[in-house]
Amino acid sequence: MLKGLSNILIYILFPTIFTSLFTINIKSKEYIIYMFISYTLLTLYFIIVYKDTILKSIKNFNKKNLILTITYWIIGFSLMLLFNYIINYIILPNGISNNELSNRELLFNNKILYSIMLCILTPIIEEISFRLEFKKNIKNKYIFIFLTATIFALPHLLSNTKIIELLYFIPYFILGLTFSTIYYKTDNILSSILAHIIHNTINVLIILLF
């Protein structure tokens, strides 16, 4: 449990500290480069630390895992879209979460590096740091799924400044429930990483194309 929490702290703090050593201007092109380097280092760190689990997951990944992963992701993505629509067009007309807004700005600042960060590096880091250790220590299915979904959602709200924007907890929580359920059902971290990669890649494509 403590190792899981320390993994989350490493994920949250390391990129910020590493990047601040070189620049504090988040709108500069150098910022994206140093962020990319920090995420690459973090990815390598988690892969090295959990190489046995990752290799086992790759070996055991099968067609059943793939079907379950895609099915649950479609359900979760649909529910997330529904609540995003309710929040952005009914409760907060023309609203958007600060996390999403920040990602869009950084994406257009450096499309290639930030796309790799969002679509590949972030899913690997977040699935390992937010879920892997907790599944080892939490045996109750529902406690694991709801706790890790909550822990996953909370950091995505850190940049919000208004109380009403806490409503964005709901779609991020749903996304967290989706990834946690996939991991629990398949007992394979590659499944939730794949679902996360699919989700982020589709979102990046939508932003870039439309």
N, C-alpha and C. Protein backbone atom coordinates (compact mmCIF):
# COMPACT_ATOMS: atom_id res chain seq x y z
N MET A 1 0.84 -1.21 0.00
CA MET A 1 0.00 0.00 0.00
C MET A 1 0.87 1.26 0.00
N LEU A 2 1.88 1.27 0.87
CA LEU A 2 2.78 2.43 0.95
C LEU A 2 3.57 2.59 -0.34
N LYS A 3 3.94 1.45 -0.94
CA LYS A 3 4.67 1.51 -2.20
C LYS A 3 3.79 2.09 -3.30
N GLY A 4 2.51 1.76 -3.28
CA GLY A 4 1.57 2.31 -4.26
C GLY A 4 1.46 3.82 -4.11
N LEU A 5 1.35 4.29 -2.87
CA LEU A 5 1.27 5.74 -2.62
C LEU A 5 2.56 6.44 -3.01
N SER A 6 3.70 5.79 -2.75
CA SER A 6 4.98 6.40 -3.11
C SER A 6 5.13 6.47 -4.63
N ASN A 7 4.60 5.48 -5.34
CA ASN A 7 4.63 5.51 -6.80
C ASN A 7 3.84 6.71 -7.35
N ILE A 8 2.70 6.98 -6.71
CA ILE A 8 1.88 8.12 -7.13
C ILE A 8 2.61 9.43 -6.87
N LEU A 9 3.24 9.54 -5.70
CA LEU A 9 4.00 10.75 -5.38
C LEU A 9 5.15 10.96 -6.36
N ILE A 10 5.83 9.88 -6.70
CA ILE A 10 6.92 9.97 -7.67
C ILE A 10 6.39 10.47 -9.01
N TYR A 11 5.26 9.92 -9.43
CA TYR A 11 4.66 10.31 -10.70
C TYR A 11 4.25 11.79 -10.70
N ILE A 12 3.67 12.25 -9.61
CA ILE A 12 3.19 13.64 -9.54
C ILE A 12 4.35 14.62 -9.39
N LEU A 13 5.32 14.29 -8.55
CA LEU A 13 6.37 15.26 -8.20
C LEU A 13 7.56 15.27 -9.16
N PHE A 14 7.96 14.10 -9.64
CA PHE A 14 9.20 14.05 -10.43
C PHE A 14 9.17 14.93 -11.68
N PRO A 15 8.13 14.88 -12.53
CA PRO A 15 8.13 15.74 -13.72
C PRO A 15 8.18 17.22 -13.37
N THR A 16 7.47 17.60 -12.30
CA THR A 16 7.44 19.01 -11.89
C THR A 16 8.82 19.47 -11.43
N ILE A 17 9.44 18.67 -10.58
CA ILE A 17 10.77 19.03 -10.07
C ILE A 17 11.81 19.02 -11.19
N PHE A 18 11.79 17.98 -12.01
CA PHE A 18 12.75 17.85 -13.10
C PHE A 18 12.63 19.01 -14.07
N THR A 19 11.40 19.32 -14.48
CA THR A 19 11.18 20.39 -15.45
C THR A 19 11.56 21.76 -14.88
N SER A 20 11.26 21.98 -13.59
CA SER A 20 11.56 23.28 -12.96
C SER A 20 13.05 23.55 -12.86
N LEU A 21 13.86 22.51 -12.97
CA LEU A 21 15.31 22.70 -12.94
C LEU A 21 15.81 23.41 -14.20
N PHE A 22 15.01 23.33 -15.27
CA PHE A 22 15.43 23.88 -16.55
C PHE A 22 14.58 25.07 -17.00
N THR A 23 13.28 25.07 -16.68
CA THR A 23 12.42 26.18 -17.07
C THR A 23 11.16 26.18 -16.21
N ILE A 24 10.60 27.37 -16.01
CA ILE A 24 9.33 27.48 -15.29
C ILE A 24 8.23 28.02 -16.19
N ASN A 25 8.58 28.28 -17.45
CA ASN A 25 7.62 28.80 -18.42
C ASN A 25 6.93 27.62 -19.11
N ILE A 26 5.71 27.30 -18.65
CA ILE A 26 5.02 26.12 -19.17
C ILE A 26 4.54 26.29 -20.61
N LYS A 27 4.62 27.51 -21.13
CA LYS A 27 4.19 27.76 -22.50
C LYS A 27 5.36 27.75 -23.48
N SER A 28 6.57 27.56 -22.95
CA SER A 28 7.74 27.53 -23.82
C SER A 28 7.90 26.16 -24.46
N LYS A 29 8.53 26.11 -25.62
CA LYS A 29 8.74 24.84 -26.30
C LYS A 29 9.73 23.97 -25.53
N GLU A 30 10.64 24.59 -24.78
CA GLU A 30 11.59 23.83 -23.98
C GLU A 30 10.87 23.05 -22.88
N TYR A 31 9.78 23.61 -22.37
CA TYR A 31 9.03 22.97 -21.30
C TYR A 31 8.55 21.58 -21.75
N ILE A 32 8.01 21.50 -22.96
CA ILE A 32 7.52 20.22 -23.47
C ILE A 32 8.65 19.22 -23.61
N ILE A 33 9.80 19.69 -24.07
CA ILE A 33 10.95 18.81 -24.24
C ILE A 33 11.38 18.20 -22.91
N TYR A 34 11.48 19.05 -21.87
CA TYR A 34 11.89 18.55 -20.56
C TYR A 34 10.80 17.68 -19.91
N MET A 35 9.55 18.01 -20.17
CA MET A 35 8.46 17.16 -19.70
C MET A 35 8.54 15.78 -20.36
N PHE A 36 8.81 15.78 -21.65
CA PHE A 36 8.94 14.53 -22.39
C PHE A 36 10.08 13.68 -21.83
N ILE A 37 11.20 14.33 -21.55
CA ILE A 37 12.35 13.62 -20.98
C ILE A 37 11.99 13.03 -19.62
N SER A 38 11.32 13.82 -18.78
CA SER A 38 10.96 13.35 -17.44
C SER A 38 9.99 12.17 -17.51
N TYR A 39 9.03 12.22 -18.42
CA TYR A 39 8.07 11.12 -18.58
C TYR A 39 8.74 9.87 -19.14
N THR A 40 9.72 10.08 -20.03
CA THR A 40 10.47 8.94 -20.57
C THR A 40 11.26 8.26 -19.45
N LEU A 41 11.90 9.06 -18.62
CA LEU A 41 12.66 8.51 -17.49
C LEU A 41 11.75 7.77 -16.52
N LEU A 42 10.57 8.36 -16.25
CA LEU A 42 9.62 7.71 -15.35
C LEU A 42 9.14 6.38 -15.92
N THR A 43 8.85 6.37 -17.21
CA THR A 43 8.40 5.14 -17.86
C THR A 43 9.46 4.06 -17.75
N LEU A 44 10.69 4.40 -18.02
CA LEU A 44 11.79 3.45 -17.92
C LEU A 44 11.95 2.95 -16.48
N TYR A 45 11.79 3.86 -15.53
CA TYR A 45 11.90 3.49 -14.11
C TYR A 45 10.84 2.45 -13.74
N PHE A 46 9.58 2.70 -14.11
CA PHE A 46 8.51 1.78 -13.75
C PHE A 46 8.64 0.45 -14.50
N ILE A 47 9.09 0.50 -15.74
CA ILE A 47 9.28 -0.74 -16.50
C ILE A 47 10.38 -1.60 -15.88
N ILE A 48 11.46 -0.95 -15.44
CA ILE A 48 12.56 -1.69 -14.80
C ILE A 48 12.12 -2.28 -13.46
N VAL A 49 11.43 -1.46 -12.65
CA VAL A 49 10.99 -1.92 -11.33
C VAL A 49 9.98 -3.06 -11.44
N TYR A 50 9.09 -3.00 -12.43
CA TYR A 50 8.03 -3.99 -12.56
C TYR A 50 8.18 -4.85 -13.81
N LYS A 51 9.42 -5.08 -14.23
CA LYS A 51 9.67 -5.81 -15.47
C LYS A 51 9.10 -7.23 -15.43
N ASP A 52 9.18 -7.89 -14.29
CA ASP A 52 8.67 -9.26 -14.19
C ASP A 52 7.15 -9.30 -14.39
N THR A 53 6.46 -8.37 -13.73
CA THR A 53 5.00 -8.30 -13.86
C THR A 53 4.61 -7.95 -15.29
N ILE A 54 5.32 -7.02 -15.89
CA ILE A 54 5.02 -6.60 -17.26
C ILE A 54 5.26 -7.73 -18.26
N LEU A 55 6.37 -8.43 -18.12
CA LEU A 55 6.67 -9.55 -19.01
C LEU A 55 5.64 -10.67 -18.87
N LYS A 56 5.21 -10.93 -17.63
CA LYS A 56 4.18 -11.93 -17.38
C LYS A 56 2.86 -11.51 -18.01
N SER A 57 2.54 -10.22 -17.92
CA SER A 57 1.29 -9.71 -18.49
C SER A 57 1.30 -9.84 -20.01
N ILE A 58 2.44 -9.54 -20.62
CA ILE A 58 2.56 -9.66 -22.08
C ILE A 58 2.39 -11.12 -22.51
N LYS A 59 3.02 -12.02 -21.76
CA LYS A 59 2.96 -13.45 -22.06
C LYS A 59 1.54 -13.99 -21.93
N ASN A 60 0.81 -13.52 -20.93
CA ASN A 60 -0.53 -14.06 -20.65
C ASN A 60 -1.66 -13.32 -21.35
N PHE A 61 -1.35 -12.22 -22.03
CA PHE A 61 -2.40 -11.46 -22.71
C PHE A 61 -2.97 -12.30 -23.86
N ASN A 62 -4.30 -12.39 -23.93
CA ASN A 62 -4.93 -13.22 -24.95
C ASN A 62 -6.15 -12.53 -25.57
N LYS A 63 -6.80 -13.22 -26.47
CA LYS A 63 -7.95 -12.67 -27.19
C LYS A 63 -9.08 -12.29 -26.24
N LYS A 64 -9.30 -13.12 -25.22
CA LYS A 64 -10.35 -12.84 -24.24
C LYS A 64 -10.06 -11.52 -23.52
N ASN A 65 -8.80 -11.29 -23.15
CA ASN A 65 -8.41 -10.03 -22.52
C ASN A 65 -8.70 -8.86 -23.43
N LEU A 66 -8.37 -9.02 -24.72
CA LEU A 66 -8.56 -7.95 -25.69
C LEU A 66 -10.03 -7.59 -25.85
N ILE A 67 -10.88 -8.62 -25.98
CA ILE A 67 -12.32 -8.38 -26.14
C ILE A 67 -12.90 -7.70 -24.91
N LEU A 68 -12.53 -8.20 -23.73
CA LEU A 68 -13.02 -7.61 -22.48
C LEU A 68 -12.54 -6.17 -22.34
N THR A 69 -11.29 -5.93 -22.69
CA THR A 69 -10.71 -4.58 -22.59
C THR A 69 -11.48 -3.60 -23.46
N ILE A 70 -11.71 -3.96 -24.71
CA ILE A 70 -12.40 -3.06 -25.64
C ILE A 70 -13.86 -2.87 -25.23
N THR A 71 -14.51 -3.95 -24.80
CA THR A 71 -15.92 -3.87 -24.40
C THR A 71 -16.11 -2.93 -23.22
N TYR A 72 -15.32 -3.11 -22.17
CA TYR A 72 -15.45 -2.27 -20.99
C TYR A 72 -15.03 -0.83 -21.28
N TRP A 73 -14.02 -0.67 -22.15
CA TRP A 73 -13.62 0.70 -22.48
C TRP A 73 -14.74 1.43 -23.22
N ILE A 74 -15.41 0.77 -24.15
CA ILE A 74 -16.52 1.39 -24.89
C ILE A 74 -17.61 1.84 -23.93
N ILE A 75 -17.95 0.98 -22.97
CA ILE A 75 -18.97 1.33 -21.97
C ILE A 75 -18.53 2.53 -21.14
N GLY A 76 -17.30 2.47 -20.64
CA GLY A 76 -16.78 3.57 -19.81
C GLY A 76 -16.66 4.87 -20.59
N PHE A 77 -16.18 4.78 -21.81
CA PHE A 77 -16.03 5.97 -22.65
C PHE A 77 -17.38 6.60 -22.94
N SER A 78 -18.39 5.79 -23.19
CA SER A 78 -19.74 6.29 -23.47
C SER A 78 -20.30 7.02 -22.26
N LEU A 79 -20.13 6.45 -21.07
CA LEU A 79 -20.61 7.09 -19.85
C LEU A 79 -19.85 8.39 -19.58
N MET A 80 -18.55 8.37 -19.83
CA MET A 80 -17.75 9.58 -19.63
C MET A 80 -18.20 10.69 -20.57
N LEU A 81 -18.47 10.35 -21.83
CA LEU A 81 -18.97 11.33 -22.80
C LEU A 81 -20.31 11.91 -22.35
N LEU A 82 -21.18 11.05 -21.82
CA LEU A 82 -22.49 11.49 -21.35
C LEU A 82 -22.36 12.52 -20.24
N PHE A 83 -21.54 12.23 -19.25
CA PHE A 83 -21.39 13.16 -18.12
C PHE A 83 -20.62 14.41 -18.52
N ASN A 84 -19.68 14.28 -19.44
CA ASN A 84 -18.99 15.47 -19.96
C ASN A 84 -19.98 16.38 -20.68
N TYR A 85 -20.90 15.78 -21.42
CA TYR A 85 -21.90 16.57 -22.14
C TYR A 85 -22.81 17.30 -21.14
N ILE A 86 -23.26 16.58 -20.11
CA ILE A 86 -24.14 17.19 -19.10
C ILE A 86 -23.44 18.36 -18.41
N ILE A 87 -22.17 18.17 -18.06
CA ILE A 87 -21.42 19.22 -17.35
C ILE A 87 -21.09 20.39 -18.27
N ASN A 88 -20.58 20.09 -19.48
CA ASN A 88 -20.08 21.14 -20.37
C ASN A 88 -21.16 21.90 -21.13
N TYR A 89 -22.33 21.28 -21.31
CA TYR A 89 -23.35 21.93 -22.13
C TYR A 89 -24.64 22.25 -21.38
N ILE A 90 -24.82 21.66 -20.21
CA ILE A 90 -26.04 21.93 -19.43
C ILE A 90 -25.72 22.68 -18.13
N ILE A 91 -24.81 22.14 -17.35
CA ILE A 91 -24.48 22.77 -16.06
C ILE A 91 -23.52 23.94 -16.23
N LEU A 92 -22.45 23.72 -17.02
CA LEU A 92 -21.45 24.77 -17.28
C LEU A 92 -21.35 24.98 -18.79
N PRO A 93 -22.28 25.72 -19.40
CA PRO A 93 -22.26 25.90 -20.85
C PRO A 93 -20.90 26.36 -21.36
N ASN A 94 -20.42 25.68 -22.41
CA ASN A 94 -19.12 25.98 -23.01
C ASN A 94 -17.96 25.75 -22.03
N GLY A 95 -18.18 24.93 -21.01
CA GLY A 95 -17.14 24.67 -20.02
C GLY A 95 -16.17 23.62 -20.50
N ILE A 96 -15.02 23.57 -19.84
CA ILE A 96 -14.01 22.55 -20.09
C ILE A 96 -13.11 22.50 -18.87
N SER A 97 -12.70 21.31 -18.47
CA SER A 97 -11.86 21.20 -17.28
C SER A 97 -10.49 21.82 -17.55
N ASN A 98 -9.89 22.37 -16.52
CA ASN A 98 -8.57 22.99 -16.68
C ASN A 98 -7.53 21.96 -17.10
N ASN A 99 -7.68 20.72 -16.64
CA ASN A 99 -6.75 19.67 -17.04
C ASN A 99 -6.82 19.44 -18.54
N GLU A 100 -8.03 19.39 -19.07
CA GLU A 100 -8.23 19.20 -20.51
C GLU A 100 -7.71 20.40 -21.30
N LEU A 101 -8.01 21.58 -20.79
CA LEU A 101 -7.56 22.81 -21.46
C LEU A 101 -6.04 22.88 -21.51
N SER A 102 -5.40 22.53 -20.40
CA SER A 102 -3.94 22.54 -20.33
C SER A 102 -3.34 21.54 -21.31
N ASN A 103 -3.94 20.35 -21.39
CA ASN A 103 -3.45 19.34 -22.32
C ASN A 103 -3.57 19.80 -23.77
N ARG A 104 -4.65 20.47 -24.07
CA ARG A 104 -4.84 20.96 -25.45
C ARG A 104 -3.79 22.02 -25.81
N GLU A 105 -3.54 22.94 -24.89
CA GLU A 105 -2.55 23.98 -25.14
C GLU A 105 -1.16 23.38 -25.34
N LEU A 106 -0.79 22.44 -24.49
CA LEU A 106 0.52 21.81 -24.59
C LEU A 106 0.63 20.94 -25.85
N LEU A 107 -0.48 20.32 -26.22
CA LEU A 107 -0.49 19.48 -27.41
C LEU A 107 -0.20 20.29 -28.66
N PHE A 108 -0.82 21.45 -28.77
CA PHE A 108 -0.60 22.29 -29.94
C PHE A 108 0.75 23.01 -29.89
N ASN A 109 1.36 23.00 -28.71
CA ASN A 109 2.69 23.59 -28.57
C ASN A 109 3.75 22.68 -29.21
N ASN A 110 3.56 21.37 -29.05
CA ASN A 110 4.47 20.39 -29.65
C ASN A 110 3.69 19.11 -29.89
N LYS A 111 3.12 19.00 -31.07
CA LYS A 111 2.19 17.90 -31.36
C LYS A 111 2.83 16.53 -31.28
N ILE A 112 4.05 16.40 -31.76
CA ILE A 112 4.69 15.08 -31.80
C ILE A 112 5.05 14.58 -30.40
N LEU A 113 5.85 15.36 -29.68
CA LEU A 113 6.31 14.92 -28.36
C LEU A 113 5.16 14.76 -27.38
N TYR A 114 4.24 15.74 -27.39
CA TYR A 114 3.15 15.67 -26.41
C TYR A 114 2.17 14.55 -26.75
N SER A 115 2.01 14.24 -28.03
CA SER A 115 1.16 13.11 -28.43
C SER A 115 1.75 11.80 -27.93
N ILE A 116 3.07 11.65 -28.05
CA ILE A 116 3.73 10.44 -27.54
C ILE A 116 3.57 10.35 -26.03
N MET A 117 3.70 11.50 -25.35
CA MET A 117 3.51 11.54 -23.90
C MET A 117 2.12 11.08 -23.50
N LEU A 118 1.11 11.65 -24.15
CA LEU A 118 -0.27 11.36 -23.78
C LEU A 118 -0.70 9.96 -24.19
N CYS A 119 -0.28 9.52 -25.37
CA CYS A 119 -0.79 8.28 -25.93
C CYS A 119 -0.04 7.03 -25.49
N ILE A 120 1.23 7.18 -25.11
CA ILE A 120 2.02 6.00 -24.76
C ILE A 120 2.59 6.08 -23.34
N LEU A 121 3.35 7.14 -23.06
CA LEU A 121 4.05 7.22 -21.78
C LEU A 121 3.09 7.36 -20.60
N THR A 122 2.14 8.28 -20.70
CA THR A 122 1.20 8.51 -19.60
C THR A 122 0.39 7.26 -19.24
N PRO A 123 -0.19 6.55 -20.21
CA PRO A 123 -0.92 5.32 -19.85
C PRO A 123 -0.08 4.30 -19.11
N ILE A 124 1.16 4.11 -19.54
CA ILE A 124 2.03 3.14 -18.86
C ILE A 124 2.30 3.58 -17.42
N ILE A 125 2.67 4.84 -17.26
CA ILE A 125 3.00 5.36 -15.93
C ILE A 125 1.79 5.34 -15.01
N GLU A 126 0.66 5.83 -15.49
CA GLU A 126 -0.52 5.96 -14.62
C GLU A 126 -1.11 4.61 -14.24
N GLU A 127 -1.14 3.67 -15.18
CA GLU A 127 -1.70 2.36 -14.83
C GLU A 127 -0.83 1.62 -13.81
N ILE A 128 0.48 1.76 -13.96
CA ILE A 128 1.36 1.12 -12.99
C ILE A 128 1.30 1.83 -11.63
N SER A 129 1.37 3.15 -11.64
CA SER A 129 1.44 3.88 -10.37
C SER A 129 0.10 3.93 -9.64
N PHE A 130 -1.02 4.02 -10.37
CA PHE A 130 -2.32 4.15 -9.71
C PHE A 130 -2.99 2.82 -9.39
N ARG A 131 -2.53 1.72 -10.00
CA ARG A 131 -3.27 0.49 -9.83
C ARG A 131 -2.47 -0.74 -9.42
N LEU A 132 -1.28 -0.92 -9.95
CA LEU A 132 -0.58 -2.20 -9.83
C LEU A 132 -0.34 -2.62 -8.37
N GLU A 133 0.27 -1.74 -7.59
CA GLU A 133 0.58 -2.09 -6.19
C GLU A 133 -0.69 -2.26 -5.36
N PHE A 134 -1.72 -1.48 -5.68
CA PHE A 134 -2.95 -1.54 -4.88
C PHE A 134 -3.66 -2.88 -5.08
N LYS A 135 -3.59 -3.41 -6.30
CA LYS A 135 -4.23 -4.70 -6.55
C LYS A 135 -3.52 -5.82 -5.77
N LYS A 136 -2.22 -5.68 -5.57
CA LYS A 136 -1.48 -6.67 -4.80
C LYS A 136 -1.91 -6.70 -3.34
N ASN A 137 -2.33 -5.55 -2.83
CA ASN A 137 -2.59 -5.40 -1.39
C ASN A 137 -4.06 -5.34 -1.02
N ILE A 138 -4.92 -5.05 -1.98
CA ILE A 138 -6.35 -4.95 -1.68
C ILE A 138 -7.07 -6.14 -2.31
N LYS A 139 -7.60 -7.02 -1.49
CA LYS A 139 -8.22 -8.24 -1.99
C LYS A 139 -9.69 -8.05 -2.34
N ASN A 140 -10.35 -7.08 -1.68
CA ASN A 140 -11.77 -6.85 -1.96
C ASN A 140 -11.93 -6.13 -3.31
N LYS A 141 -12.69 -6.73 -4.17
CA LYS A 141 -12.89 -6.21 -5.53
C LYS A 141 -13.38 -4.78 -5.54
N TYR A 142 -14.43 -4.50 -4.78
CA TYR A 142 -15.07 -3.19 -4.83
C TYR A 142 -14.21 -2.10 -4.19
N ILE A 143 -13.53 -2.45 -3.10
CA ILE A 143 -12.64 -1.48 -2.47
C ILE A 143 -11.52 -1.11 -3.43
N PHE A 144 -10.94 -2.13 -4.09
CA PHE A 144 -9.87 -1.87 -5.05
C PHE A 144 -10.34 -0.96 -6.19
N ILE A 145 -11.47 -1.31 -6.80
CA ILE A 145 -11.95 -0.56 -7.96
C ILE A 145 -12.31 0.88 -7.59
N PHE A 146 -13.07 1.06 -6.51
CA PHE A 146 -13.52 2.41 -6.16
C PHE A 146 -12.39 3.26 -5.58
N LEU A 147 -11.51 2.64 -4.79
CA LEU A 147 -10.40 3.40 -4.20
C LEU A 147 -9.44 3.88 -5.29
N THR A 148 -9.04 2.96 -6.19
CA THR A 148 -8.09 3.35 -7.23
C THR A 148 -8.70 4.31 -8.24
N ALA A 149 -10.01 4.19 -8.48
CA ALA A 149 -10.68 5.13 -9.36
C ALA A 149 -10.68 6.54 -8.76
N THR A 150 -10.88 6.61 -7.45
CA THR A 150 -10.86 7.90 -6.75
C THR A 150 -9.47 8.51 -6.76
N ILE A 151 -8.47 7.68 -6.44
CA ILE A 151 -7.08 8.16 -6.42
C ILE A 151 -6.66 8.62 -7.81
N PHE A 152 -7.15 7.94 -8.84
CA PHE A 152 -6.84 8.31 -10.23
C PHE A 152 -7.49 9.65 -10.60
N ALA A 153 -8.71 9.86 -10.16
CA ALA A 153 -9.46 11.06 -10.55
C ALA A 153 -8.95 12.33 -9.88
N LEU A 154 -8.55 12.23 -8.62
CA LEU A 154 -8.21 13.42 -7.84
C LEU A 154 -7.09 14.28 -8.44
N PRO A 155 -5.96 13.70 -8.87
CA PRO A 155 -4.89 14.55 -9.45
C PRO A 155 -5.33 15.31 -10.70
N HIS A 156 -6.34 14.79 -11.41
CA HIS A 156 -6.81 15.46 -12.62
C HIS A 156 -7.62 16.72 -12.29
N LEU A 157 -7.88 16.93 -11.01
CA LEU A 157 -8.65 18.11 -10.59
C LEU A 157 -7.77 19.19 -9.98
N LEU A 158 -6.48 18.93 -9.85
CA LEU A 158 -5.59 19.84 -9.12
C LEU A 158 -5.53 21.23 -9.74
N SER A 159 -5.71 21.33 -11.05
CA SER A 159 -5.59 22.62 -11.72
C SER A 159 -6.90 23.41 -11.74
N ASN A 160 -7.99 22.79 -11.28
CA ASN A 160 -9.27 23.51 -11.25
C ASN A 160 -9.27 24.53 -10.11
N THR A 161 -9.87 25.69 -10.36
CA THR A 161 -9.83 26.79 -9.40
C THR A 161 -11.19 27.11 -8.76
N LYS A 162 -12.27 26.60 -9.34
CA LYS A 162 -13.60 26.90 -8.82
C LYS A 162 -14.24 25.63 -8.26
N ILE A 163 -15.04 25.80 -7.20
CA ILE A 163 -15.69 24.66 -6.56
C ILE A 163 -16.59 23.91 -7.53
N ILE A 164 -17.29 24.65 -8.39
CA ILE A 164 -18.21 24.03 -9.34
C ILE A 164 -17.46 23.09 -10.29
N GLU A 165 -16.17 23.37 -10.50
CA GLU A 165 -15.38 22.54 -11.42
C GLU A 165 -15.04 21.18 -10.83
N LEU A 166 -15.35 20.99 -9.53
CA LEU A 166 -15.17 19.67 -8.93
C LEU A 166 -16.12 18.65 -9.55
N LEU A 167 -17.11 19.14 -10.30
CA LEU A 167 -18.01 18.24 -11.02
C LEU A 167 -17.26 17.36 -12.01
N TYR A 168 -16.10 17.87 -12.47
CA TYR A 168 -15.31 17.09 -13.42
C TYR A 168 -14.73 15.84 -12.77
N PHE A 169 -14.86 15.73 -11.45
CA PHE A 169 -14.46 14.50 -10.77
C PHE A 169 -15.23 13.31 -11.34
N ILE A 170 -16.49 13.54 -11.70
CA ILE A 170 -17.37 12.45 -12.13
C ILE A 170 -16.85 11.76 -13.39
N PRO A 171 -16.60 12.49 -14.50
CA PRO A 171 -16.09 11.78 -15.69
C PRO A 171 -14.72 11.14 -15.48
N TYR A 172 -13.84 11.79 -14.71
CA TYR A 172 -12.53 11.18 -14.45
C TYR A 172 -12.67 9.94 -13.57
N PHE A 173 -13.61 9.99 -12.63
CA PHE A 173 -13.88 8.85 -11.77
C PHE A 173 -14.41 7.67 -12.59
N ILE A 174 -15.29 7.97 -13.53
CA ILE A 174 -15.83 6.92 -14.41
C ILE A 174 -14.70 6.29 -15.23
N LEU A 175 -13.81 7.13 -15.72
CA LEU A 175 -12.67 6.62 -16.48
C LEU A 175 -11.80 5.73 -15.59
N GLY A 176 -11.59 6.17 -14.35
CA GLY A 176 -10.82 5.37 -13.41
C GLY A 176 -11.50 4.05 -13.10
N LEU A 177 -12.83 4.08 -12.93
CA LEU A 177 -13.58 2.84 -12.71
C LEU A 177 -13.40 1.88 -13.87
N THR A 178 -13.39 2.43 -15.08
CA THR A 178 -13.24 1.61 -16.28
C THR A 178 -11.90 0.88 -16.29
N PHE A 179 -10.82 1.64 -16.09
CA PHE A 179 -9.48 1.03 -16.12
C PHE A 179 -9.29 0.04 -14.97
N SER A 180 -9.80 0.40 -13.79
CA SER A 180 -9.65 -0.49 -12.63
C SER A 180 -10.43 -1.78 -12.83
N THR A 181 -11.63 -1.68 -13.39
CA THR A 181 -12.45 -2.86 -13.65
C THR A 181 -11.77 -3.77 -14.66
N ILE A 182 -11.23 -3.17 -15.71
CA ILE A 182 -10.52 -3.95 -16.73
C ILE A 182 -9.34 -4.70 -16.12
N TYR A 183 -8.58 -4.00 -15.29
CA TYR A 183 -7.42 -4.63 -14.66
C TYR A 183 -7.85 -5.76 -13.74
N TYR A 184 -8.90 -5.52 -12.95
CA TYR A 184 -9.36 -6.54 -12.01
C TYR A 184 -9.91 -7.76 -12.75
N LYS A 185 -10.70 -7.52 -13.79
CA LYS A 185 -11.34 -8.61 -14.53
C LYS A 185 -10.32 -9.49 -15.25
N THR A 186 -9.28 -8.86 -15.80
CA THR A 186 -8.29 -9.62 -16.58
C THR A 186 -7.09 -10.06 -15.75
N ASP A 187 -6.89 -9.40 -14.61
CA ASP A 187 -5.70 -9.62 -13.78
C ASP A 187 -4.44 -9.45 -14.63
N ASN A 188 -4.49 -8.46 -15.51
CA ASN A 188 -3.39 -8.23 -16.45
C ASN A 188 -3.21 -6.72 -16.64
N ILE A 189 -2.09 -6.18 -16.15
CA ILE A 189 -1.87 -4.73 -16.22
C ILE A 189 -1.79 -4.24 -17.66
N LEU A 190 -1.41 -5.12 -18.59
CA LEU A 190 -1.36 -4.75 -20.00
C LEU A 190 -2.74 -4.39 -20.52
N SER A 191 -3.78 -5.02 -19.98
CA SER A 191 -5.15 -4.75 -20.41
C SER A 191 -5.56 -3.31 -20.11
N SER A 192 -5.32 -2.85 -18.89
CA SER A 192 -5.69 -1.48 -18.53
C SER A 192 -4.78 -0.47 -19.22
N ILE A 193 -3.51 -0.84 -19.43
CA ILE A 193 -2.60 0.05 -20.17
C ILE A 193 -3.12 0.22 -21.60
N LEU A 194 -3.52 -0.89 -22.21
CA LEU A 194 -4.04 -0.84 -23.59
C LEU A 194 -5.30 0.00 -23.66
N ALA A 195 -6.22 -0.18 -22.72
CA ALA A 195 -7.45 0.62 -22.69
C ALA A 195 -7.13 2.11 -22.55
N HIS A 196 -6.16 2.42 -21.71
CA HIS A 196 -5.74 3.80 -21.47
C HIS A 196 -5.11 4.38 -22.73
N ILE A 197 -4.30 3.58 -23.43
CA ILE A 197 -3.67 4.02 -24.68
C ILE A 197 -4.74 4.31 -25.73
N ILE A 198 -5.71 3.41 -25.86
CA ILE A 198 -6.80 3.61 -26.82
C ILE A 198 -7.55 4.88 -26.51
N HIS A 199 -7.88 5.06 -25.24
CA HIS A 199 -8.65 6.24 -24.82
C HIS A 199 -7.91 7.53 -25.12
N ASN A 200 -6.66 7.62 -24.69
CA ASN A 200 -5.89 8.85 -24.89
C ASN A 200 -5.63 9.12 -26.37
N THR A 201 -5.36 8.07 -27.14
CA THR A 201 -5.08 8.23 -28.56
C THR A 201 -6.29 8.77 -29.31
N ILE A 202 -7.47 8.24 -29.01
CA ILE A 202 -8.68 8.72 -29.66
C ILE A 202 -8.95 10.17 -29.28
N ASN A 203 -8.73 10.52 -28.01
CA ASN A 203 -8.93 11.92 -27.59
C ASN A 203 -7.96 12.86 -28.28
N VAL A 204 -6.69 12.45 -28.41
CA VAL A 204 -5.70 13.27 -29.10
C VAL A 204 -6.08 13.46 -30.55
N LEU A 205 -6.51 12.40 -31.21
CA LEU A 205 -6.91 12.48 -32.62
C LEU A 205 -8.10 13.41 -32.80
N ILE A 206 -9.05 13.34 -31.88
CA ILE A 206 -10.23 14.22 -31.95
C ILE A 206 -9.82 15.67 -31.83
N ILE A 207 -8.92 15.96 -30.88
CA ILE A 207 -8.46 17.34 -30.67
C ILE A 207 -7.70 17.84 -31.89
N LEU A 208 -6.81 17.02 -32.43
CA LEU A 208 -5.97 17.45 -33.56
C LEU A 208 -6.77 17.58 -34.86
N LEU A 209 -7.77 16.71 -35.05
CA LEU A 209 -8.50 16.70 -36.31
C LEU A 209 -9.70 17.64 -36.32
N PHE A 210 -10.29 17.86 -35.13
CA PHE A 210 -11.53 18.64 -35.11
C PHE A 210 -11.45 19.89 -34.26
